[in-house]
Amino acid sequence: ITHQFNYVLIVYILNILIVSLNLVVYF
């Protein structure tokens, strides 16, 4: 929303991917 396309966004995306893998493993 704030158009802050920087390395912090990449860290957010990496974290959500790993947590999403935990979701897959849960099921």
PDB file of all heavy atoms in Angstrom:
ATOM      1  N   ILE A   1       0.832  -1.213   0.000  1.00  0.00           N
ATOM      2  CA  ILE A   1       0.000   0.000   0.000  1.00  0.00           C
ATOM      3  C   ILE A   1       0.861   1.255   0.000  1.00  0.00           C
ATOM      4  O   ILE A   1       0.551   2.238  -0.685  1.00  0.00           O
ATOM      5  CB  ILE A   1      -0.968  -0.006   1.202  1.00  0.00           C
ATOM      6  CG1 ILE A   1      -2.049  -1.070   0.986  1.00  0.00           C
ATOM      7  CG2 ILE A   1      -1.596   1.367   1.426  1.00  0.00           C
ATOM      8  CD1 ILE A   1      -2.895  -1.372   2.209  1.00  0.00           C
ATOM      9  N   THR A   2       1.975   1.214   0.757  1.00  0.00           N
ATOM     10  CA  THR A   2       2.853   2.390   0.833  1.00  0.00           C
ATOM     11  C   THR A   2       3.931   2.392  -0.262  1.00  0.00           C
ATOM     12  O   THR A   2       4.788   3.273  -0.266  1.00  0.00           O
ATOM     13  CB  THR A   2       3.533   2.472   2.215  1.00  0.00           C
ATOM     14  OG1 THR A   2       4.291   1.277   2.443  1.00  0.00           O
ATOM     15  CG2 THR A   2       2.505   2.667   3.324  1.00  0.00           C
ATOM     16  N   HIS A   3       3.866   1.403  -1.144  1.00  0.00           N
ATOM     17  CA  HIS A   3       4.829   1.277  -2.252  1.00  0.00           C
ATOM     18  C   HIS A   3       6.272   1.200  -1.766  1.00  0.00           C
ATOM     19  O   HIS A   3       7.182   1.746  -2.391  1.00  0.00           O
ATOM     20  CB  HIS A   3       4.668   2.424  -3.255  1.00  0.00           C
ATOM     21  CG  HIS A   3       3.298   2.511  -3.841  1.00  0.00           C
ATOM     22  ND1 HIS A   3       2.823   1.625  -4.772  1.00  0.00           N
ATOM     23  CD2 HIS A   3       2.272   3.363  -3.592  1.00  0.00           C
ATOM     24  CE1 HIS A   3       1.578   1.930  -5.082  1.00  0.00           C
ATOM     25  NE2 HIS A   3       1.213   2.983  -4.383  1.00  0.00           N
ATOM     26  N   GLN A   4       6.484   0.507  -0.644  1.00  0.00           N
ATOM     27  CA  GLN A   4       7.833   0.320  -0.115  1.00  0.00           C
ATOM     28  C   GLN A   4       8.356  -1.043  -0.570  1.00  0.00           C
ATOM     29  O   GLN A   4       8.379  -2.009   0.173  1.00  0.00           O
ATOM     30  CB  GLN A   4       7.828   0.405   1.414  1.00  0.00           C
ATOM     31  CG  GLN A   4       7.519   1.773   1.932  1.00  0.00           C
ATOM     32  CD  GLN A   4       7.559   1.817   3.455  1.00  0.00           C
ATOM     33  OE1 GLN A   4       7.741   0.808   4.121  1.00  0.00           O
ATOM     34  NE2 GLN A   4       7.394   3.006   4.000  1.00  0.00           N
ATOM     35  N   PHE A   5       8.753  -1.094  -1.819  1.00  0.00           N
ATOM     36  CA  PHE A   5       9.262  -2.326  -2.410  1.00  0.00           C
ATOM     37  C   PHE A   5      10.768  -2.401  -2.154  1.00  0.00           C
ATOM     38  O   PHE A   5      11.563  -1.870  -2.921  1.00  0.00           O
ATOM     39  CB  PHE A   5       8.971  -2.363  -3.917  1.00  0.00           C
ATOM     40  CG  PHE A   5       7.510  -2.183  -4.228  1.00  0.00           C
ATOM     41  CD1 PHE A   5       7.039  -1.019  -4.822  1.00  0.00           C
ATOM     42  CD2 PHE A   5       6.596  -3.176  -3.920  1.00  0.00           C
ATOM     43  CE1 PHE A   5       5.702  -0.857  -5.113  1.00  0.00           C
ATOM     44  CE2 PHE A   5       5.249  -3.034  -4.207  1.00  0.00           C
ATOM     45  CZ  PHE A   5       4.799  -1.863  -4.804  1.00  0.00           C
ATOM     46  N   ASN A   6      11.130  -3.020  -1.025  1.00  0.00           N
ATOM     47  CA  ASN A   6      12.536  -3.103  -0.650  1.00  0.00           C
ATOM     48  C   ASN A   6      12.829  -4.479  -0.064  1.00  0.00           C
ATOM     49  O   ASN A   6      11.991  -5.378  -0.097  1.00  0.00           O
ATOM     50  CB  ASN A   6      12.883  -1.984   0.344  1.00  0.00           C
ATOM     51  CG  ASN A   6      11.954  -1.975   1.543  1.00  0.00           C
ATOM     52  OD1 ASN A   6      11.533  -3.032   2.018  1.00  0.00           O
ATOM     53  ND2 ASN A   6      11.634  -0.791   2.027  1.00  0.00           N
ATOM     54  N   TYR A   7      14.024  -4.633   0.469  1.00  0.00           N
ATOM     55  CA  TYR A   7      14.461  -5.930   0.993  1.00  0.00           C
ATOM     56  C   TYR A   7      13.607  -6.409   2.163  1.00  0.00           C
ATOM     57  O   TYR A   7      13.511  -7.600   2.416  1.00  0.00           O
ATOM     58  CB  TYR A   7      15.938  -5.883   1.384  1.00  0.00           C
ATOM     59  CG  TYR A   7      16.270  -4.873   2.453  1.00  0.00           C
ATOM     60  CD1 TYR A   7      16.296  -5.242   3.787  1.00  0.00           C
ATOM     61  CD2 TYR A   7      16.547  -3.550   2.123  1.00  0.00           C
ATOM     62  CE1 TYR A   7      16.595  -4.332   4.781  1.00  0.00           C
ATOM     63  CE2 TYR A   7      16.850  -2.629   3.108  1.00  0.00           C
ATOM     64  CZ  TYR A   7      16.868  -3.009   4.427  1.00  0.00           C
ATOM     65  OH  TYR A   7      17.163  -2.102   5.392  1.00  0.00           O
ATOM     66  N   VAL A   8      12.963  -5.505   2.893  1.00  0.00           N
ATOM     67  CA  VAL A   8      12.101  -5.906   4.015  1.00  0.00           C
ATOM     68  C   VAL A   8      10.916  -6.713   3.482  1.00  0.00           C
ATOM     69  O   VAL A   8      10.513  -7.709   4.089  1.00  0.00           O
ATOM     70  CB  VAL A   8      11.622  -4.678   4.816  1.00  0.00           C
ATOM     71  CG1 VAL A   8      10.686  -5.091   5.948  1.00  0.00           C
ATOM     72  CG2 VAL A   8      12.812  -3.905   5.374  1.00  0.00           C
ATOM     73  N   LEU A   9      10.396  -6.314   2.345  1.00  0.00           N
ATOM     74  CA  LEU A   9       9.291  -7.046   1.717  1.00  0.00           C
ATOM     75  C   LEU A   9       9.726  -8.473   1.382  1.00  0.00           C
ATOM     76  O   LEU A   9       8.953  -9.426   1.571  1.00  0.00           O
ATOM     77  CB  LEU A   9       8.812  -6.316   0.453  1.00  0.00           C
ATOM     78  CG  LEU A   9       7.647  -6.938  -0.302  1.00  0.00           C
ATOM     79  CD1 LEU A   9       6.403  -7.035   0.576  1.00  0.00           C
ATOM     80  CD2 LEU A   9       7.341  -6.118  -1.551  1.00  0.00           C
ATOM     81  N   ILE A  10      10.956  -8.628   0.947  1.00  0.00           N
ATOM     82  CA  ILE A  10      11.484  -9.968   0.640  1.00  0.00           C
ATOM     83  C   ILE A  10      11.525 -10.830   1.904  1.00  0.00           C
ATOM     84  O   ILE A  10      11.159 -12.005   1.873  1.00  0.00           O
ATOM     85  CB  ILE A  10      12.883  -9.866  -0.012  1.00  0.00           C
ATOM     86  CG1 ILE A  10      12.766  -9.201  -1.379  1.00  0.00           C
ATOM     87  CG2 ILE A  10      13.547 -11.231  -0.130  1.00  0.00           C
ATOM     88  CD1 ILE A  10      14.075  -8.774  -1.989  1.00  0.00           C
ATOM     89  N   VAL A  11      11.918 -10.236   3.022  1.00  0.00           N
ATOM     90  CA  VAL A  11      11.966 -10.984   4.288  1.00  0.00           C
ATOM     91  C   VAL A  11      10.557 -11.389   4.703  1.00  0.00           C
ATOM     92  O   VAL A  11      10.332 -12.523   5.142  1.00  0.00           O
ATOM     93  CB  VAL A  11      12.666 -10.167   5.393  1.00  0.00           C
ATOM     94  CG1 VAL A  11      12.688 -10.939   6.704  1.00  0.00           C
ATOM     95  CG2 VAL A  11      14.085  -9.799   4.973  1.00  0.00           C
ATOM     96  N   TYR A  12       9.590 -10.492   4.562  1.00  0.00           N
ATOM     97  CA  TYR A  12       8.191 -10.841   4.846  1.00  0.00           C
ATOM     98  C   TYR A  12       7.753 -12.036   3.988  1.00  0.00           C
ATOM     99  O   TYR A  12       7.131 -12.970   4.487  1.00  0.00           O
ATOM    100  CB  TYR A  12       7.256  -9.669   4.529  1.00  0.00           C
ATOM    101  CG  TYR A  12       7.033  -8.694   5.658  1.00  0.00           C
ATOM    102  CD1 TYR A  12       7.527  -7.400   5.596  1.00  0.00           C
ATOM    103  CD2 TYR A  12       6.282  -9.050   6.780  1.00  0.00           C
ATOM    104  CE1 TYR A  12       7.307  -6.485   6.610  1.00  0.00           C
ATOM    105  CE2 TYR A  12       6.053  -8.147   7.799  1.00  0.00           C
ATOM    106  CZ  TYR A  12       6.564  -6.866   7.707  1.00  0.00           C
ATOM    107  OH  TYR A  12       6.340  -5.968   8.714  1.00  0.00           O
ATOM    108  N   ILE A  13       8.073 -11.992   2.717  1.00  0.00           N
ATOM    109  CA  ILE A  13       7.650 -13.055   1.801  1.00  0.00           C
ATOM    110  C   ILE A  13       8.321 -14.384   2.160  1.00  0.00           C
ATOM    111  O   ILE A  13       7.664 -15.428   2.176  1.00  0.00           O
ATOM    112  CB  ILE A  13       7.915 -12.641   0.335  1.00  0.00           C
ATOM    113  CG1 ILE A  13       6.973 -11.494  -0.049  1.00  0.00           C
ATOM    114  CG2 ILE A  13       7.745 -13.825  -0.611  1.00  0.00           C
ATOM    115  CD1 ILE A  13       7.293 -10.810  -1.353  1.00  0.00           C
ATOM    116  N   LEU A  14       9.602 -14.352   2.481  1.00  0.00           N
ATOM    117  CA  LEU A  14      10.289 -15.591   2.899  1.00  0.00           C
ATOM    118  C   LEU A  14       9.658 -16.173   4.161  1.00  0.00           C
ATOM    119  O   LEU A  14       9.421 -17.383   4.255  1.00  0.00           O
ATOM    120  CB  LEU A  14      11.774 -15.320   3.135  1.00  0.00           C
ATOM    121  CG  LEU A  14      12.617 -15.080   1.891  1.00  0.00           C
ATOM    122  CD1 LEU A  14      14.030 -14.649   2.294  1.00  0.00           C
ATOM    123  CD2 LEU A  14      12.667 -16.324   1.028  1.00  0.00           C
ATOM    124  N   ASN A  15       9.356 -15.313   5.124  1.00  0.00           N
ATOM    125  CA  ASN A  15       8.745 -15.776   6.362  1.00  0.00           C
ATOM    126  C   ASN A  15       7.366 -16.381   6.126  1.00  0.00           C
ATOM    127  O   ASN A  15       7.047 -17.446   6.665  1.00  0.00           O
ATOM    128  CB  ASN A  15       8.656 -14.644   7.385  1.00  0.00           C
ATOM    129  CG  ASN A  15       9.982 -14.330   8.034  1.00  0.00           C
ATOM    130  OD1 ASN A  15      10.974 -15.020   7.819  1.00  0.00           O
ATOM    131  ND2 ASN A  15      10.015 -13.287   8.841  1.00  0.00           N
ATOM    132  N   ILE A  16       6.547 -15.726   5.321  1.00  0.00           N
ATOM    133  CA  ILE A  16       5.199 -16.248   5.092  1.00  0.00           C
ATOM    134  C   ILE A  16       5.258 -17.570   4.324  1.00  0.00           C
ATOM    135  O   ILE A  16       4.439 -18.460   4.538  1.00  0.00           O
ATOM    136  CB  ILE A  16       4.273 -15.216   4.407  1.00  0.00           C
ATOM    137  CG1 ILE A  16       2.800 -15.628   4.607  1.00  0.00           C
ATOM    138  CG2 ILE A  16       4.583 -15.064   2.936  1.00  0.00           C
ATOM    139  CD1 ILE A  16       1.809 -14.563   4.197  1.00  0.00           C
ATOM    140  N   LEU A  17       6.242 -17.717   3.447  1.00  0.00           N
ATOM    141  CA  LEU A  17       6.390 -18.982   2.732  1.00  0.00           C
ATOM    142  C   LEU A  17       6.727 -20.126   3.685  1.00  0.00           C
ATOM    143  O   LEU A  17       6.149 -21.216   3.601  1.00  0.00           O
ATOM    144  CB  LEU A  17       7.458 -18.869   1.643  1.00  0.00           C
ATOM    145  CG  LEU A  17       7.086 -18.039   0.421  1.00  0.00           C
ATOM    146  CD1 LEU A  17       8.291 -17.876  -0.491  1.00  0.00           C
ATOM    147  CD2 LEU A  17       5.926 -18.663  -0.324  1.00  0.00           C
ATOM    148  N   ILE A  18       7.633 -19.881   4.608  1.00  0.00           N
ATOM    149  CA  ILE A  18       8.027 -20.928   5.553  1.00  0.00           C
ATOM    150  C   ILE A  18       6.882 -21.258   6.508  1.00  0.00           C
ATOM    151  O   ILE A  18       6.616 -22.420   6.803  1.00  0.00           O
ATOM    152  CB  ILE A  18       9.309 -20.535   6.307  1.00  0.00           C
ATOM    153  CG1 ILE A  18      10.471 -20.462   5.315  1.00  0.00           C
ATOM    154  CG2 ILE A  18       9.624 -21.536   7.411  1.00  0.00           C
ATOM    155  CD1 ILE A  18      11.738 -19.875   5.871  1.00  0.00           C
ATOM    156  N   VAL A  19       6.166 -20.232   6.966  1.00  0.00           N
ATOM    157  CA  VAL A  19       5.018 -20.490   7.847  1.00  0.00           C
ATOM    158  C   VAL A  19       3.934 -21.227   7.065  1.00  0.00           C
ATOM    159  O   VAL A  19       3.277 -22.122   7.607  1.00  0.00           O
ATOM    160  CB  VAL A  19       4.480 -19.183   8.466  1.00  0.00           C
ATOM    161  CG1 VAL A  19       3.224 -19.445   9.286  1.00  0.00           C
ATOM    162  CG2 VAL A  19       5.539 -18.535   9.339  1.00  0.00           C
ATOM    163  N   SER A  20       3.766 -20.913   5.802  1.00  0.00           N
ATOM    164  CA  SER A  20       2.788 -21.621   4.968  1.00  0.00           C
ATOM    165  C   SER A  20       3.177 -23.087   4.796  1.00  0.00           C
ATOM    166  O   SER A  20       2.304 -23.964   4.746  1.00  0.00           O
ATOM    167  CB  SER A  20       2.654 -20.941   3.608  1.00  0.00           C
ATOM    168  OG  SER A  20       2.122 -19.642   3.778  1.00  0.00           O
ATOM    169  N   LEU A  21       4.468 -23.363   4.736  1.00  0.00           N
ATOM    170  CA  LEU A  21       4.909 -24.763   4.699  1.00  0.00           C
ATOM    171  C   LEU A  21       4.535 -25.480   5.991  1.00  0.00           C
ATOM    172  O   LEU A  21       4.160 -26.649   5.974  1.00  0.00           O
ATOM    173  CB  LEU A  21       6.417 -24.844   4.459  1.00  0.00           C
ATOM    174  CG  LEU A  21       6.892 -24.528   3.048  1.00  0.00           C
ATOM    175  CD1 LEU A  21       8.417 -24.502   2.995  1.00  0.00           C
ATOM    176  CD2 LEU A  21       6.341 -25.526   2.053  1.00  0.00           C
ATOM    177  N   ASN A  22       4.613 -24.765   7.120  1.00  0.00           N
ATOM    178  CA  ASN A  22       4.153 -25.333   8.389  1.00  0.00           C
ATOM    179  C   ASN A  22       2.665 -25.659   8.324  1.00  0.00           C
ATOM    180  O   ASN A  22       2.222 -26.659   8.884  1.00  0.00           O
ATOM    181  CB  ASN A  22       4.419 -24.367   9.547  1.00  0.00           C
ATOM    182  CG  ASN A  22       5.746 -24.599  10.205  1.00  0.00           C
ATOM    183  OD1 ASN A  22       5.957 -25.618  10.832  1.00  0.00           O
ATOM    184  ND2 ASN A  22       6.648 -23.643  10.065  1.00  0.00           N
ATOM    185  N   LEU A  23       1.899 -24.830   7.629  1.00  0.00           N
ATOM    186  CA  LEU A  23       0.469 -25.089   7.454  1.00  0.00           C
ATOM    187  C   LEU A  23       0.254 -26.368   6.655  1.00  0.00           C
ATOM    188  O   LEU A  23      -0.583 -27.209   7.012  1.00  0.00           O
ATOM    189  CB  LEU A  23      -0.197 -23.894   6.765  1.00  0.00           C
ATOM    190  CG  LEU A  23      -1.707 -23.961   6.581  1.00  0.00           C
ATOM    191  CD1 LEU A  23      -2.415 -23.995   7.930  1.00  0.00           C
ATOM    192  CD2 LEU A  23      -2.168 -22.763   5.765  1.00  0.00           C
ATOM    193  N   VAL A  24       1.026 -26.544   5.591  1.00  0.00           N
ATOM    194  CA  VAL A  24       0.933 -27.764   4.778  1.00  0.00           C
ATOM    195  C   VAL A  24       1.298 -28.984   5.626  1.00  0.00           C
ATOM    196  O   VAL A  24       0.585 -30.001   5.606  1.00  0.00           O
ATOM    197  CB  VAL A  24       1.854 -27.665   3.536  1.00  0.00           C
ATOM    198  CG1 VAL A  24       1.953 -28.992   2.812  1.00  0.00           C
ATOM    199  CG2 VAL A  24       1.356 -26.568   2.598  1.00  0.00           C
ATOM    200  N   VAL A  25       2.368 -28.881   6.380  1.00  0.00           N
ATOM    201  CA  VAL A  25       2.801 -29.991   7.240  1.00  0.00           C
ATOM    202  C   VAL A  25       1.734 -30.291   8.292  1.00  0.00           C
ATOM    203  O   VAL A  25       1.499 -31.446   8.632  1.00  0.00           O
ATOM    204  CB  VAL A  25       4.173 -29.692   7.885  1.00  0.00           C
ATOM    205  CG1 VAL A  25       4.523 -30.710   8.962  1.00  0.00           C
ATOM    206  CG2 VAL A  25       5.248 -29.662   6.814  1.00  0.00           C
ATOM    207  N   TYR A  26       1.053 -29.266   8.790  1.00  0.00           N
ATOM    208  CA  TYR A  26      -0.023 -29.478   9.760  1.00  0.00           C
ATOM    209  C   TYR A  26      -1.079 -30.418   9.171  1.00  0.00           C
ATOM    210  O   TYR A  26      -1.491 -31.381   9.812  1.00  0.00           O
ATOM    211  CB  TYR A  26      -0.668 -28.149  10.164  1.00  0.00           C
ATOM    212  CG  TYR A  26      -1.921 -28.347  10.989  1.00  0.00           C
ATOM    213  CD1 TYR A  26      -1.829 -28.561  12.356  1.00  0.00           C
ATOM    214  CD2 TYR A  26      -3.177 -28.354  10.393  1.00  0.00           C
ATOM    215  CE1 TYR A  26      -2.969 -28.764  13.119  1.00  0.00           C
ATOM    216  CE2 TYR A  26      -4.320 -28.560  11.145  1.00  0.00           C
ATOM    217  CZ  TYR A  26      -4.206 -28.768  12.503  1.00  0.00           C
ATOM    218  OH  TYR A  26      -5.344 -28.995  13.254  1.00  0.00           O
ATOM    219  N   PHE A  27      -1.525 -30.123   7.951  1.00  0.00           N
ATOM    220  CA  PHE A  27      -2.578 -30.944   7.339  1.00  0.00           C
ATOM    221  C   PHE A  27      -2.072 -32.344   6.982  1.00  0.00           C
ATOM    222  O   PHE A  27      -2.813 -33.325   7.112  1.00  0.00           O
ATOM    223  CB  PHE A  27      -3.193 -30.233   6.133  1.00  0.00           C
ATOM    224  CG  PHE A  27      -4.095 -29.102   6.542  1.00  0.00           C
ATOM    225  CD1 PHE A  27      -3.727 -27.791   6.326  1.00  0.00           C
ATOM    226  CD2 PHE A  27      -5.302 -29.351   7.176  1.00  0.00           C
ATOM    227  CE1 PHE A  27      -4.544 -26.744   6.720  1.00  0.00           C
ATOM    228  CE2 PHE A  27      -6.131 -28.317   7.578  1.00  0.00           C
ATOM    229  CZ  PHE A  27      -5.750 -27.008   7.349  1.00  0.00           C
TER     230      PHE A  27
END
